């Protein structure tokens, strides 16, 4: 395998990943089919060469697998991506121009793959290849291309959003992503149709690899899971698989932790101070009302000397009671936070991923 320049192909079943791989690698062992049924059953790499430029294409099982093995296929792709010997230089997302749909399985699969790619400038390494791009009328084809791209842009935002959610970075304009249109047919394909694709491979080979090495580590940690509906908190002992991605200099590019197993320890009780807080707030309200009443009463009898003393004393006393109540309510909030504070990380949802990697 030419691991210095590896490119992985991702897409739905029957979109043409194996066909493209067979055309470029000229490997007769690759089996292709014209039907929508899945043929590729495992992730595998193939050596290719263009004008003395050597690279590898990684053919993968498709999303929306006709045999319902999407999860199994994803694990195989994940295992390959996190392999230590791969210097991944590019990601090729393949779609049929005749039917560029985003199924739910397709969306989830791409979300998972995106999550495993450690770098923030992910889209610099991506191209989109539309297969089955053909028509007898060139003008009609150009108009159809314009319409399909506009429709595809809307559905592609799903993937962009998933990427941004995983990475926490700004949206990448769809227009910035390289798009190539080809008609893949083994017997009729002409070399010039693939110029854009092979040129893209050569161009991306000059980039630094997405990562040079991946190291994994198993670690247990205590996590509190808060139920959004009833606010109950449960303490779990969680097994994480930590991925550390390294560049060529040996520096960590990024780390990724995926929970793969959990053990419930106990349900935690929260200290409830709401009644105390409500009582202090109510006391403050009554004292303020009493203070206002006493002020009006003192004003009514202001010209009687003893009333002035009563006026000042009532204002001071009730102001003190009001501020004491407000301060007590705030202190109660801080006390509640302190009593319910946890050293463990609190999450609203813990997504456990099955892991059967070696």
Protein backbone atom coordinates (compact mmCIF):
# COMPACT_ATOMS: atom_id res chain seq x y z
CA UNK A 1 0.00 0.00 0.00
CA UNK A 2 1.23 3.52 -0.87
CA UNK A 3 0.54 4.82 2.62
CA UNK A 4 2.21 8.20 1.98
CA UNK A 5 -0.71 9.21 -0.27
CA UNK A 6 -3.92 7.53 0.80
CA UNK A 7 -7.40 8.67 -0.22
CA UNK A 8 -10.58 7.20 1.23
CA UNK A 9 -13.83 6.90 -0.77
CA UNK A 10 -17.13 7.30 1.10
CA UNK A 11 -20.69 7.14 -0.20
CA UNK A 12 -23.93 5.23 -0.49
CA UNK A 13 -24.11 1.66 -1.76
CA UNK A 14 -24.00 1.52 -5.56
CA UNK A 15 -22.72 5.07 -6.08
CA UNK A 16 -19.60 3.91 -7.93
CA UNK A 17 -16.77 3.73 -5.38
CA UNK A 18 -15.61 0.32 -6.53
CA UNK A 19 -16.01 1.27 -10.19
CA UNK A 20 -13.81 4.35 -9.76
CA UNK A 21 -11.26 2.27 -7.83
CA UNK A 22 -11.20 -0.38 -10.58
CA UNK A 23 -10.74 2.21 -13.34
CA UNK A 24 -7.85 3.96 -11.57
CA UNK A 25 -6.12 0.90 -10.11
CA UNK A 26 -6.82 -1.41 -13.08
CA UNK A 27 -7.14 -4.21 -10.55
CA UNK A 28 -9.11 -7.10 -12.14
CA UNK A 29 -9.96 -8.59 -8.74
CA UNK A 30 -12.41 -5.76 -7.93
CA UNK A 31 -15.99 -6.90 -8.38
CA UNK A 32 -18.53 -4.30 -9.47
CA UNK A 33 -22.26 -4.45 -10.08
CA UNK A 34 -24.82 -2.36 -11.94
CA UNK A 35 -27.48 -3.10 -9.33
CA UNK A 36 -28.18 -1.18 -6.11
CA UNK A 37 -27.12 -4.18 -4.01
CA UNK A 38 -23.91 -3.88 -2.01
CA UNK A 39 -20.89 -5.74 -3.37
CA UNK A 40 -18.01 -4.29 -1.33
CA UNK A 41 -18.06 -6.02 2.04
CA UNK A 42 -14.88 -4.71 3.64
CA UNK A 43 -12.61 -1.69 3.71
CA UNK A 44 -9.63 -2.36 1.46
CA UNK A 45 -6.89 -0.32 -0.19
CA UNK A 46 -5.66 -0.53 -3.79
CA UNK A 47 -2.44 0.79 -5.28
CA UNK A 48 -2.74 3.28 -8.15
CA UNK A 49 -0.24 5.14 -10.32
CA UNK A 50 -0.60 8.22 -12.54
CA UNK A 51 2.46 9.40 -14.50
CA UNK A 52 4.84 7.94 -11.87
CA UNK A 53 2.71 9.41 -9.06
CA UNK A 54 1.82 6.59 -6.66
CA UNK A 55 -1.13 6.66 -4.28
CA UNK A 56 -3.71 4.39 -2.65
CA UNK A 57 -7.48 4.37 -2.94
CA UNK A 58 -9.39 2.99 0.02
CA UNK A 59 -12.64 1.41 -1.10
CA UNK A 60 -15.28 1.16 1.64
CA UNK A 61 -18.69 -0.52 2.11
CA UNK A 62 -21.50 1.90 1.29
CA UNK A 63 -24.03 3.56 3.54
CA UNK A 64 -27.62 2.33 3.28
CA UNK A 65 -26.20 -1.18 2.91
CA UNK A 66 -28.70 -3.46 1.21
CA UNK A 67 -27.98 -6.18 3.79
CA UNK A 68 -28.46 -3.86 6.78
CA UNK A 69 -24.85 -3.88 7.95
CA UNK A 70 -24.30 -0.13 8.31
CA UNK A 71 -23.03 -0.31 11.91
CA UNK A 72 -20.68 -3.17 11.11
CA UNK A 73 -19.36 -1.32 8.05
CA UNK A 74 -18.83 1.87 10.02
CA UNK A 75 -16.73 0.02 12.61
CA UNK A 76 -14.55 -1.37 9.83
CA UNK A 77 -14.03 2.12 8.36
CA UNK A 78 -13.34 3.55 11.83
CA UNK A 79 -10.78 0.86 12.50
CA UNK A 80 -9.06 1.70 9.24
CA UNK A 81 -9.09 5.47 9.81
CA UNK A 82 -7.56 5.08 13.26
CA UNK A 83 -4.86 2.72 11.99
CA UNK A 84 -1.35 3.90 12.81
CA UNK A 85 0.08 3.20 9.38
CA UNK A 86 -2.18 5.48 7.36
CA UNK A 87 -1.21 8.96 6.18
CA UNK A 88 -4.61 10.05 4.97
CA UNK A 89 -4.28 12.86 2.42
CA UNK A 90 -7.85 13.21 1.22
CA UNK A 91 -11.52 12.26 1.60
CA UNK A 92 -13.72 11.67 -1.44
CA UNK A 93 -17.48 11.89 -0.87
CA UNK A 94 -19.33 10.25 -3.76
CA UNK A 95 -22.93 10.91 -4.83
CA UNK A 96 -25.02 9.88 -7.81
CA UNK A 97 -25.92 12.91 -9.91
CA UNK A 98 -29.15 11.16 -10.91
CA UNK A 99 -30.21 10.67 -7.29
CA UNK A 100 -28.12 12.77 -4.85
CA UNK A 101 -30.18 11.95 -1.75
CA UNK A 102 -29.18 12.21 1.89
CA UNK A 103 -30.81 9.27 3.66
CA UNK A 104 -30.85 9.11 7.45
CA UNK A 105 -28.27 6.29 7.44
CA UNK A 106 -26.10 8.32 5.09
CA UNK A 107 -26.26 11.36 7.38
CA UNK A 108 -25.47 9.36 10.52
CA UNK A 109 -22.63 7.52 8.82
CA UNK A 110 -21.00 10.71 7.59
CA UNK A 111 -21.45 12.34 10.99
CA UNK A 112 -19.53 9.47 12.58
CA UNK A 113 -16.74 9.61 10.01
CA UNK A 114 -16.43 13.39 10.36
CA UNK A 115 -16.20 12.99 14.12
CA UNK A 116 -13.18 10.72 13.72
CA UNK A 117 -11.25 13.20 11.54
CA UNK A 118 -9.15 15.27 13.97
CA UNK A 119 -8.34 18.46 12.06
CA UNK A 120 -10.37 21.66 11.90
CA UNK A 121 -9.62 22.42 8.22
CA UNK A 122 -11.35 19.17 7.27
CA UNK A 123 -12.89 20.54 4.06
CA UNK A 124 -9.47 21.42 2.59
CA UNK A 125 -8.98 17.67 2.18
CA UNK A 126 -12.44 16.91 0.76
CA UNK A 127 -13.83 16.68 -2.74
CA UNK A 128 -17.30 15.65 -3.90
CA UNK A 129 -17.57 13.42 -6.95
CA UNK A 130 -20.92 13.20 -8.73
CA UNK A 131 -21.16 10.01 -10.79
CA UNK A 132 -23.66 9.14 -13.55
CA UNK A 133 -23.31 12.64 -14.96
CA UNK A 134 -24.53 12.22 -18.54
CA UNK A 135 -27.20 13.40 -21.02
CA UNK A 136 -27.78 13.44 -24.77
CA UNK A 137 -28.45 17.19 -24.64
CA UNK A 138 -25.54 19.30 -23.35
CA UNK A 139 -27.68 22.40 -22.69
CA UNK A 140 -30.24 20.40 -20.74
CA UNK A 141 -27.41 18.80 -18.75
CA UNK A 142 -25.98 22.18 -17.74
CA UNK A 143 -29.40 23.41 -16.61
CA UNK A 144 -30.00 20.16 -14.72
CA UNK A 145 -26.57 20.57 -13.09
CA UNK A 146 -27.51 24.05 -11.88
CA UNK A 147 -30.82 22.84 -10.42
CA UNK A 148 -29.37 19.70 -8.82
CA UNK A 149 -26.52 21.65 -7.23
CA UNK A 150 -28.95 24.12 -5.70
CA UNK A 151 -31.03 21.26 -4.26
CA UNK A 152 -27.93 19.38 -3.13
CA UNK A 153 -26.56 22.46 -1.37
CA UNK A 154 -29.62 22.50 0.90
CA UNK A 155 -29.26 18.84 1.89
CA UNK A 156 -25.48 19.14 2.18
CA UNK A 157 -25.98 21.71 4.95
CA UNK A 158 -26.90 18.72 7.15
CA UNK A 159 -23.36 17.42 6.85
CA UNK A 160 -21.85 20.88 7.31
CA UNK A 161 -23.91 21.33 10.49
CA UNK A 162 -22.83 17.93 11.81
CA UNK A 163 -19.21 18.83 11.19
CA UNK A 164 -19.53 22.20 12.90
CA UNK A 165 -21.26 20.61 15.88
CA UNK A 166 -18.43 18.11 16.26
CA UNK A 167 -15.66 20.67 15.74
CA UNK A 168 -17.20 23.88 17.07
CA UNK A 169 -16.03 26.00 14.13
CA UNK A 170 -17.67 28.33 11.65
CA UNK A 171 -19.67 27.20 8.62
CA UNK A 172 -17.69 26.41 5.46
CA UNK A 173 -19.36 27.74 2.26
CA UNK A 174 -20.51 24.96 -0.06
CA UNK A 175 -19.02 26.87 -3.00
CA UNK A 176 -15.52 26.43 -1.47
CA UNK A 177 -15.66 22.64 -1.75
CA UNK A 178 -14.23 21.03 -4.88
CA UNK A 179 -16.86 19.25 -7.03
CA UNK A 180 -16.16 16.89 -9.93
CA UNK A 181 -18.71 15.48 -12.41
CA UNK A 182 -18.03 12.19 -14.19
CA UNK A 183 -19.78 9.32 -15.96
CA UNK A 184 -18.16 6.10 -14.79
CA UNK A 185 -18.48 3.22 -17.25
CA UNK A 186 -15.76 0.61 -17.39
CA UNK A 187 -15.90 -0.02 -21.16
CA UNK A 188 -16.76 3.50 -22.33
CA UNK A 189 -14.86 5.67 -19.86
CA UNK A 190 -12.26 7.84 -21.58
CA UNK A 191 -9.09 8.89 -19.82
CA UNK A 192 -9.80 12.61 -20.16
CA UNK A 193 -12.96 12.22 -18.06
CA UNK A 194 -10.80 11.41 -15.07
CA UNK A 195 -8.34 14.30 -15.44
CA UNK A 196 -10.07 16.37 -12.74
CA UNK A 197 -9.99 13.46 -10.30
CA UNK A 198 -6.36 12.52 -10.84
CA UNK A 199 -5.30 16.18 -10.73
CA UNK A 200 -7.06 16.53 -7.37
CA UNK A 201 -5.19 13.49 -6.01
CA UNK A 202 -1.87 15.00 -7.05
CA UNK A 203 -2.76 18.39 -5.61
CA UNK A 204 -3.84 17.00 -2.23
CA UNK A 205 -0.79 14.75 -1.99
CA UNK A 206 1.28 17.91 -1.39
CA UNK A 207 -0.65 18.71 1.79
CA UNK A 208 0.44 17.57 5.21
CA UNK A 209 -1.39 14.34 6.09
CA UNK A 210 -4.50 14.71 8.21
CA UNK A 211 -2.54 12.88 10.88
CA UNK A 212 0.62 10.80 10.99
CA UNK A 213 -0.17 8.40 13.81
CA UNK A 214 -3.06 7.49 16.09
CA UNK A 215 -2.62 6.05 19.57
CA UNK A 216 -5.49 4.65 21.61
CA UNK A 217 -5.88 4.34 25.35
CA UNK A 218 -8.62 2.87 27.54
CA UNK A 219 -9.57 4.93 30.59
CA UNK A 220 -12.32 4.77 33.22
CA UNK A 221 -13.86 7.97 34.59
CA UNK A 222 -16.82 8.93 36.78
CA UNK A 223 -19.58 10.85 34.99
CA UNK A 224 -22.89 12.20 36.28
CA UNK A 225 -25.76 11.87 33.81
CA UNK A 226 -28.65 14.26 34.38
CA UNK A 227 -32.09 13.25 33.15
CA UNK A 228 -33.58 16.24 31.33
CA UNK A 229 -37.17 15.24 32.16
CA UNK A 230 -37.06 14.70 35.91
CA UNK A 231 -33.66 16.33 36.68
CA UNK A 232 -32.50 13.13 38.38
CA UNK A 233 -28.74 12.62 38.50
CA UNK A 234 -27.10 9.19 38.24
CA UNK A 235 -23.41 8.56 38.84
CA UNK A 236 -21.80 6.21 36.32
CA UNK A 237 -18.36 4.67 36.01
CA UNK A 238 -17.68 5.10 32.29
CA UNK A 239 -15.13 3.36 30.10
CA UNK A 240 -13.69 5.71 27.48
CA UNK A 241 -11.61 4.92 24.42
CA UNK A 242 -9.28 7.87 23.95
CA UNK A 243 -7.76 8.59 20.54
CA UNK A 244 -4.64 10.77 20.33
CA UNK A 245 -3.75 12.04 16.85
CA UNK A 246 -0.10 12.97 16.19
CA UNK A 247 1.52 14.94 13.38
CA UNK A 248 4.85 14.10 11.75
CA UNK A 249 6.75 16.04 14.44
CA UNK A 250 5.23 13.87 17.15
CA UNK A 251 2.98 16.60 18.53
CA UNK A 252 -0.64 15.88 19.42
CA UNK A 253 -3.03 17.46 16.90
CA UNK A 254 -6.21 16.51 18.70
CA UNK A 255 -7.67 14.06 21.18
CA UNK A 256 -11.03 12.33 21.04
CA UNK A 257 -12.80 10.42 23.83
CA UNK A 258 -15.64 8.04 23.01
CA UNK A 259 -17.64 6.33 25.81
CA UNK A 260 -17.95 2.62 25.06
CA UNK A 261 -19.20 1.12 28.33
CA UNK A 262 -20.92 2.31 31.51
CA UNK A 263 -21.65 0.92 34.98
CA UNK A 264 -24.29 2.55 37.17
CA UNK A 265 -22.98 3.36 40.64
CA UNK A 266 -25.88 5.16 42.35
CA UNK A 267 -28.61 7.74 41.99
CA UNK A 268 -27.60 11.03 43.56
CA UNK A 269 -29.85 13.06 45.85
CA UNK A 270 -30.01 16.79 45.40
CA UNK A 271 -30.36 19.07 48.45
CA UNK A 272 -33.54 21.09 48.07
CA UNK A 273 -33.36 24.62 49.53
CA UNK A 274 -36.28 26.02 47.54
CA UNK A 275 -38.61 26.25 50.56
CA UNK A 276 -36.04 28.18 52.61
CA UNK A 277 -35.38 30.50 49.70
CA UNK A 278 -39.11 31.07 49.12
CA UNK A 279 -39.61 31.76 52.84
CA UNK A 280 -36.85 34.38 52.95
CA UNK A 281 -38.18 36.01 49.80
CA UNK A 282 -41.69 36.14 51.26
CA UNK A 283 -40.32 37.62 54.51
CA UNK A 284 -38.56 40.31 52.52
CA UNK A 285 -41.78 41.13 50.67
CA UNK A 286 -43.82 41.43 53.88
CA UNK A 287 -41.17 43.57 55.57
CA UNK A 288 -41.08 45.91 52.56
CA UNK A 289 -44.88 46.22 52.69
CA UNK A 290 -44.77 46.86 56.42
CA UNK A 291 -42.05 49.50 55.92
CA UNK A 292 -44.08 51.37 53.30
CA UNK A 293 -47.18 51.29 55.53
CA UNK A 294 -45.24 52.65 58.52
CA UNK A 295 -43.78 55.45 56.39
CA UNK A 296 -47.25 56.57 55.30
CA UNK A 297 -48.46 56.38 58.90
CA UNK A 298 -45.54 58.44 60.17
CA UNK A 299 -46.05 61.03 57.40
CA UNK A 300 -49.68 61.40 58.47
CA UNK A 301 -48.60 62.34 62.00
CA UNK A 302 -45.33 64.04 61.05
CA UNK A 303 -46.01 67.27 63.03
CA UNK A 304 -46.26 65.35 66.29
CA UNK A 305 -42.65 65.13 67.65
CA UNK A 306 -42.72 61.45 68.68
CA UNK A 307 -43.88 60.53 65.16
CA UNK A 308 -40.55 61.65 63.65
CA UNK A 309 -38.66 59.17 65.82
CA UNK A 310 -41.16 56.46 64.89
CA UNK A 311 -40.66 57.34 61.21
CA UNK A 312 -36.89 56.99 61.31
CA UNK A 313 -36.88 53.81 63.37
CA UNK A 314 -39.47 52.09 61.16
CA UNK A 315 -37.54 52.97 58.00
CA UNK A 316 -34.25 51.66 59.43
CA UNK A 317 -35.74 48.47 60.85
CA UNK A 318 -37.71 47.50 57.77
CA UNK A 319 -34.88 48.38 55.40
CA UNK A 320 -32.63 46.13 57.45
CA UNK A 321 -35.15 43.27 57.39
CA UNK A 322 -35.62 43.62 53.61
CA UNK A 323 -31.91 43.53 52.83
CA UNK A 324 -31.38 40.69 55.27
CA UNK A 325 -34.07 38.67 53.49
CA UNK A 326 -32.62 39.40 50.05
CA UNK A 327 -29.12 38.53 51.26
CA UNK A 328 -30.45 35.36 52.88
CA UNK A 329 -32.08 34.27 49.62
CA UNK A 330 -28.84 34.82 47.69
CA UNK A 331 -26.84 33.01 50.36
CA UNK A 332 -29.27 30.10 50.15
CA UNK A 333 -28.72 29.86 46.38
CA UNK A 334 -24.96 29.73 46.87
CA UNK A 335 -25.35 27.17 49.64
CA UNK A 336 -27.53 25.01 47.37
CA UNK A 337 -24.96 25.20 44.57
CA UNK A 338 -22.21 24.29 47.00
CA UNK A 339 -24.08 21.33 48.47
CA UNK A 340 -25.02 20.03 44.99
CA UNK A 341 -21.65 20.68 43.38
CA UNK A 342 -19.85 17.60 42.05
CA UNK A 343 -16.25 16.96 41.22
CA UNK A 344 -17.36 14.72 38.37
CA UNK A 345 -18.36 16.06 34.97
CA UNK A 346 -22.14 16.42 34.49
CA UNK A 347 -23.70 15.60 31.11
CA UNK A 348 -27.32 15.56 29.98
CA UNK A 349 -26.83 12.55 27.74
CA UNK A 350 -24.19 9.84 27.48
CA UNK A 351 -23.97 8.18 24.07
CA UNK A 352 -22.39 4.76 24.44
CA UNK A 353 -20.79 3.35 21.32
CA UNK A 354 -20.23 -0.37 20.87
CA UNK A 355 -16.57 -1.14 20.42
CA UNK A 356 -15.20 -4.41 19.15
CA UNK A 357 -11.84 -3.19 17.93
CA UNK A 358 -8.80 -5.25 18.68
